[in-house]
Protein backbone atom coordinates (compact mmCIF):
# COMPACT_ATOMS: atom_id res chain seq x y z
CA MET A 1 -44.35 17.46 95.45
CA ARG A 2 -41.76 15.73 97.57
CA PHE A 3 -43.48 15.44 101.04
CA ILE A 4 -46.32 13.58 99.18
CA ASN A 5 -43.74 10.75 98.33
CA ASP A 6 -42.18 11.08 101.80
CA ILE A 7 -45.70 10.48 103.32
CA THR A 8 -46.32 7.66 100.90
CA ASP A 9 -43.04 5.95 101.78
CA PHE A 10 -43.66 6.13 105.32
CA ILE A 11 -47.07 4.84 105.61
CA PHE A 12 -47.29 2.27 102.70
CA LEU A 13 -44.87 -0.44 103.77
CA GLU A 14 -44.88 -3.75 102.08
CA ASP A 15 -42.62 -6.75 101.76
CA GLU A 16 -42.38 -9.79 99.74
CA PRO A 17 -43.89 -12.78 101.76
CA ARG A 18 -41.29 -15.11 103.13
CA PRO A 19 -41.35 -17.97 105.75
CA ALA A 20 -42.63 -17.08 109.17
CA ASP A 21 -43.90 -18.39 112.21
CA ILE A 22 -47.40 -16.86 112.19
CA ILE A 23 -49.60 -14.37 109.92
CA PHE A 24 -51.22 -11.77 112.22
CA ILE A 25 -54.40 -9.98 110.83
CA PRO A 26 -55.24 -6.88 112.84
CA GLY A 27 -59.19 -6.41 113.17
CA GLY A 28 -61.32 -4.92 110.71
CA PRO A 29 -64.25 -5.12 108.44
CA CYS A 30 -62.14 -5.56 104.85
CA PRO A 31 -62.32 -8.95 103.45
CA GLU A 32 -59.18 -8.23 101.61
CA ILE A 33 -56.78 -8.38 104.13
CA ALA A 34 -58.06 -11.96 105.29
CA GLU A 35 -57.92 -13.05 101.58
CA ARG A 36 -54.32 -12.20 101.20
CA ALA A 37 -53.60 -13.87 104.50
CA ALA A 38 -55.37 -17.05 103.00
CA ASP A 39 -53.39 -16.77 99.83
CA ILE A 40 -50.23 -16.77 101.86
CA TRP A 41 -50.92 -19.27 103.96
CA LYS A 42 -51.76 -21.78 101.04
CA ARG A 43 -48.53 -21.09 99.73
CA GLY A 44 -46.97 -22.45 102.72
CA PHE A 45 -45.33 -19.41 104.34
CA ALA A 46 -46.60 -19.94 107.99
CA PRO A 47 -48.51 -22.68 109.75
CA TYR A 48 -50.62 -20.45 111.83
CA ILE A 49 -53.31 -17.31 111.23
CA LEU A 50 -54.30 -15.11 114.20
CA PRO A 51 -57.10 -12.87 113.20
CA SER A 52 -57.69 -10.28 115.81
CA GLY A 53 -60.74 -8.06 117.02
CA LYS A 54 -64.23 -7.70 118.66
CA TYR A 55 -65.43 -4.60 117.15
CA SER A 56 -64.87 -0.95 117.26
CA LEU A 57 -66.05 0.82 120.56
CA LYS A 58 -67.06 3.79 118.36
CA TRP A 59 -70.05 1.44 116.93
CA GLY A 60 -70.34 -1.11 119.69
CA HIS A 61 -70.91 -3.85 117.46
CA PHE A 62 -69.63 -5.37 114.42
CA ARG A 63 -70.22 -3.23 111.47
CA GLY A 64 -69.27 -4.84 108.09
CA LEU A 65 -68.89 -2.66 104.98
CA PRO A 66 -71.50 -2.45 102.17
CA ASN A 67 -71.33 -4.70 99.20
CA ALA A 68 -69.60 -7.49 101.19
CA GLY A 69 -70.47 -10.02 98.67
CA VAL A 70 -70.31 -13.45 99.56
CA TYR A 71 -69.35 -12.70 103.30
CA ASN A 72 -72.76 -11.71 104.36
CA LYS A 73 -73.31 -13.79 107.49
CA ASP A 74 -74.48 -12.36 110.69
CA TYR A 75 -71.06 -11.74 112.39
CA HIS A 76 -70.95 -10.71 116.05
CA THR A 77 -67.06 -9.89 115.93
CA GLU A 78 -64.34 -8.91 113.57
CA TRP A 79 -62.76 -12.42 114.28
CA GLU A 80 -65.83 -13.97 113.32
CA PHE A 81 -65.88 -12.22 109.96
CA LEU A 82 -62.15 -12.77 109.34
CA LYS A 83 -62.41 -16.45 110.20
CA ASP A 84 -65.23 -16.69 107.78
CA VAL A 85 -63.21 -15.05 105.07
CA LEU A 86 -60.21 -17.34 105.82
CA ILE A 87 -62.22 -20.48 105.65
CA SER A 88 -64.07 -19.45 102.62
CA ASN A 89 -60.71 -19.01 100.89
CA GLY A 90 -59.29 -22.33 101.78
CA VAL A 91 -57.71 -22.14 105.09
CA GLU A 92 -58.04 -25.13 107.60
CA GLU A 93 -59.76 -24.13 110.64
CA ALA A 94 -57.19 -25.96 112.98
CA ALA A 95 -54.77 -23.15 111.39
CA ILE A 96 -56.78 -20.30 112.78
CA LEU A 97 -56.07 -19.12 116.17
CA ARG A 98 -58.66 -16.71 118.10
CA GLU A 99 -58.60 -13.30 119.52
CA ASP A 100 -62.09 -11.73 119.86
CA GLN A 101 -61.70 -9.33 122.89
CA SER A 102 -59.55 -6.29 121.37
CA THR A 103 -61.16 -3.10 120.24
CA ASN A 104 -58.49 -1.21 118.50
CA THR A 105 -55.10 -1.59 116.83
CA TYR A 106 -53.05 -1.61 120.12
CA GLU A 107 -55.28 -3.92 121.75
CA ASN A 108 -54.97 -6.29 118.49
CA ALA A 109 -51.24 -6.54 119.21
CA VAL A 110 -51.70 -6.81 123.06
CA CYS A 111 -54.09 -9.46 123.07
CA SER A 112 -52.31 -11.33 120.05
CA ARG A 113 -49.29 -11.43 122.14
CA GLN A 114 -51.43 -12.92 125.25
CA ILE A 115 -52.68 -15.75 122.83
CA THR A 116 -49.31 -16.71 121.43
CA ASP A 117 -47.80 -16.54 124.92
CA HIS A 118 -50.37 -18.74 126.18
CA LEU A 119 -49.82 -21.21 123.54
CA LYS A 120 -46.12 -20.82 124.03
CA LEU A 121 -45.48 -20.07 120.46
CA ASP A 122 -41.91 -18.55 119.72
CA ILE A 123 -42.56 -15.78 117.26
CA ARG A 124 -39.36 -14.77 115.59
CA ASN A 125 -40.91 -13.92 112.10
CA ALA A 126 -44.46 -12.82 111.46
CA ILE A 127 -46.39 -11.82 108.54
CA LEU A 128 -48.50 -8.96 109.16
CA CYS A 129 -51.77 -8.74 106.79
CA CYS A 130 -53.61 -5.40 107.09
CA GLN A 131 -54.98 -2.57 105.01
CA ALA A 132 -52.19 -0.77 103.05
CA PHE A 133 -52.86 2.89 104.48
CA HIS A 134 -52.72 1.38 107.99
CA ALA A 135 -49.48 -0.69 107.32
CA ARG A 136 -47.07 1.62 109.37
CA ARG A 137 -49.14 2.03 112.39
CA CYS A 138 -49.85 -1.73 112.66
CA SER A 139 -46.20 -2.42 112.45
CA MET A 140 -45.39 0.10 115.06
CA TYR A 141 -47.90 -1.34 117.41
CA TYR A 142 -46.95 -4.99 116.76
CA GLN A 143 -43.20 -4.22 116.74
CA ALA A 144 -43.83 -2.40 120.41
CA ILE A 145 -45.43 -5.69 121.66
CA TYR A 146 -43.26 -8.08 119.99
CA THR A 147 -40.20 -6.48 120.51
CA GLN A 148 -37.87 -9.55 119.04
CA THR A 149 -39.90 -10.23 116.25
CA GLU A 150 -39.04 -9.21 112.56
CA PHE A 151 -42.43 -8.40 110.91
CA ILE A 152 -42.88 -8.81 107.14
CA LEU A 153 -45.76 -6.57 105.84
CA CYS A 154 -48.15 -8.05 103.49
CA PRO A 155 -50.69 -5.27 103.07
CA SER A 156 -53.93 -5.39 100.68
CA ASN A 157 -55.44 -2.08 99.01
CA THR A 158 -58.76 -1.43 100.48
CA GLN A 159 -61.50 1.12 100.60
CA GLY A 160 -60.43 2.32 96.85
CA ILE A 161 -56.88 3.64 98.63
CA ASP A 162 -53.66 2.59 97.35
CA LYS A 163 -50.04 4.12 97.29
CA GLN A 164 -50.30 5.67 93.92
CA ASN A 165 -53.84 7.46 94.42
CA TRP A 166 -54.32 8.54 97.94
CA SER A 167 -53.39 11.96 97.41
CA HIS A 168 -55.65 12.46 94.64
CA PHE A 169 -59.30 12.36 96.40
CA ASP A 170 -60.59 13.61 99.47
CA PHE A 171 -61.15 10.21 101.28
CA GLY A 172 -57.75 8.84 100.52
CA ILE A 173 -56.11 11.97 101.71
CA GLU A 174 -58.18 11.94 104.83
CA LYS A 175 -57.48 8.25 105.74
CA VAL A 176 -53.80 8.66 105.03
CA MET A 177 -53.22 11.97 106.86
CA GLY A 178 -55.27 10.39 109.64
CA GLU A 179 -52.89 7.62 109.89
CA LEU A 180 -49.73 9.93 109.73
CA THR A 181 -51.70 11.99 112.72
CA LYS A 182 -52.07 8.70 114.67
CA CYS A 183 -48.47 7.78 114.22
CA GLY A 184 -47.47 10.80 115.88
CA SER A 185 -50.16 11.21 118.62
CA GLN A 186 -50.54 7.28 119.93
CA PHE A 187 -46.87 6.69 120.47
CA VAL A 188 -45.58 9.32 122.54
CA ASP A 189 -46.02 7.19 125.71
CA ILE A 190 -44.38 3.96 123.84
CA VAL A 191 -41.38 6.07 122.58
CA LYS A 192 -40.78 7.59 126.06
CA ARG A 193 -40.79 4.22 127.63
CA TYR A 194 -38.45 2.70 125.25
CA ASP A 195 -36.34 5.50 125.26
CA LYS A 196 -35.82 5.21 129.05
CA LEU A 197 -35.26 1.29 128.61
CA SER A 198 -32.28 2.09 126.28
């Protein structure tokens, strides 16, 4: 059905990596996004990586996914978890910046901007490593905060969901349609604000 293809094209954004000033990782418990960021960093596409996240207010603490494999330490924040994944995959600690106060995707972007501004980093191009089904909403939030930055989306398939299979099982449908809903409901005020500025 065409509308399935339209939703897929809207939600699942992806670019080939290319040189950038930084790699952003929005918070979360999925190691795949940091593993992808580590691979991109090791290939020399950006000098810094900024993982972001404290934990979801829904849980009130860091809640890892089952079967985390080698990443099974006692993490207190998403940032600690993502940093450990990065270092375990060959990223130098000096290249990893810190943002461990945000509790949702919007705050990931806002707090990351505070960090890069504090460090006086000029972010003209940025790679965004996130979950594949989260790519559209992540890019919208980060673009709203970094208005002059070009974003390069380099997501990872997580939780068994990808652009080919999401519409074939309940969990994938719920996740993707939830993202579609949030892209509408969470951006009303942002769109109004930018419309007034234009």
